Protein backbone atom coordinates (compact mmCIF):
# COMPACT_ATOMS: atom_id res chain seq x y z
CA MET A 1 5.71 -5.19 -17.30
CA LYS A 2 7.60 -2.01 -16.42
CA LYS A 3 4.80 -0.94 -14.10
CA ALA A 4 4.90 -4.24 -12.24
CA ILE A 5 8.65 -4.02 -11.74
CA LEU A 6 8.33 -0.42 -10.59
CA ALA A 7 5.60 -1.41 -8.11
CA VAL A 8 7.76 -4.23 -6.71
CA VAL A 9 10.80 -1.98 -6.34
CA ILE A 10 8.82 0.79 -4.62
CA THR A 11 7.18 -1.76 -2.32
CA LEU A 12 10.55 -3.22 -1.40
CA LEU A 13 12.07 0.18 -0.69
CA VAL A 14 9.14 1.37 1.40
CA SER A 15 9.02 -1.85 3.42
CA LEU A 16 12.79 -1.71 4.07
CA PHE A 17 12.50 1.94 5.10
CA VAL A 18 9.65 1.18 7.49
CA MET A 19 11.52 -1.82 8.90
CA GLY A 20 14.51 0.47 9.47
CA VAL A 21 12.41 3.05 11.30
CA PHE A 22 10.52 0.49 13.40
CA TYR A 23 13.47 -1.87 13.87
CA GLU A 24 12.03 -3.40 17.06
CA THR A 25 8.98 -4.79 15.31
CA LEU A 26 9.37 -6.07 11.75
CA GLU A 27 5.61 -6.52 11.36
CA PHE A 28 5.22 -2.85 10.45
CA GLY A 29 7.48 -3.31 7.41
CA LEU A 30 5.50 -6.32 6.25
CA LEU A 31 2.24 -4.46 6.78
CA ALA A 32 3.55 -1.47 4.81
CA ALA A 33 4.57 -3.78 1.95
CA ILE A 34 1.10 -5.33 1.81
CA LEU A 35 -0.60 -1.94 1.91
CA ILE A 36 1.59 -0.40 -0.80
CA MET A 37 1.26 -3.40 -3.12
CA GLY A 38 -2.52 -3.51 -2.58
CA GLY A 39 -2.71 0.16 -3.48
CA PHE A 40 -0.78 -0.43 -6.69
CA ILE A 41 -3.03 -3.36 -7.65
CA ILE A 42 -6.18 -1.33 -7.11
CA TYR A 43 -4.76 1.69 -8.94
CA PHE A 44 -3.65 -0.28 -12.00
CA ASN A 45 -6.95 -2.20 -12.17
CA GLU A 46 -9.00 1.01 -11.98
CA LYS A 47 -6.79 2.68 -14.58
CA LYS A 48 -7.54 -0.08 -17.14
CA LYS A 49 -11.29 0.57 -17.04
């Protein structure tokens, strides 16, 4: 459960940072959040095997 909370917090921070940098277009922040969370899902699934 700690890993899931850590992944959510990191995803939130990265997406807010990207939204702050690209403040004219919020889509980049949403895209960064999806990419980071997808990476965490793949990493944790591969680590279990």
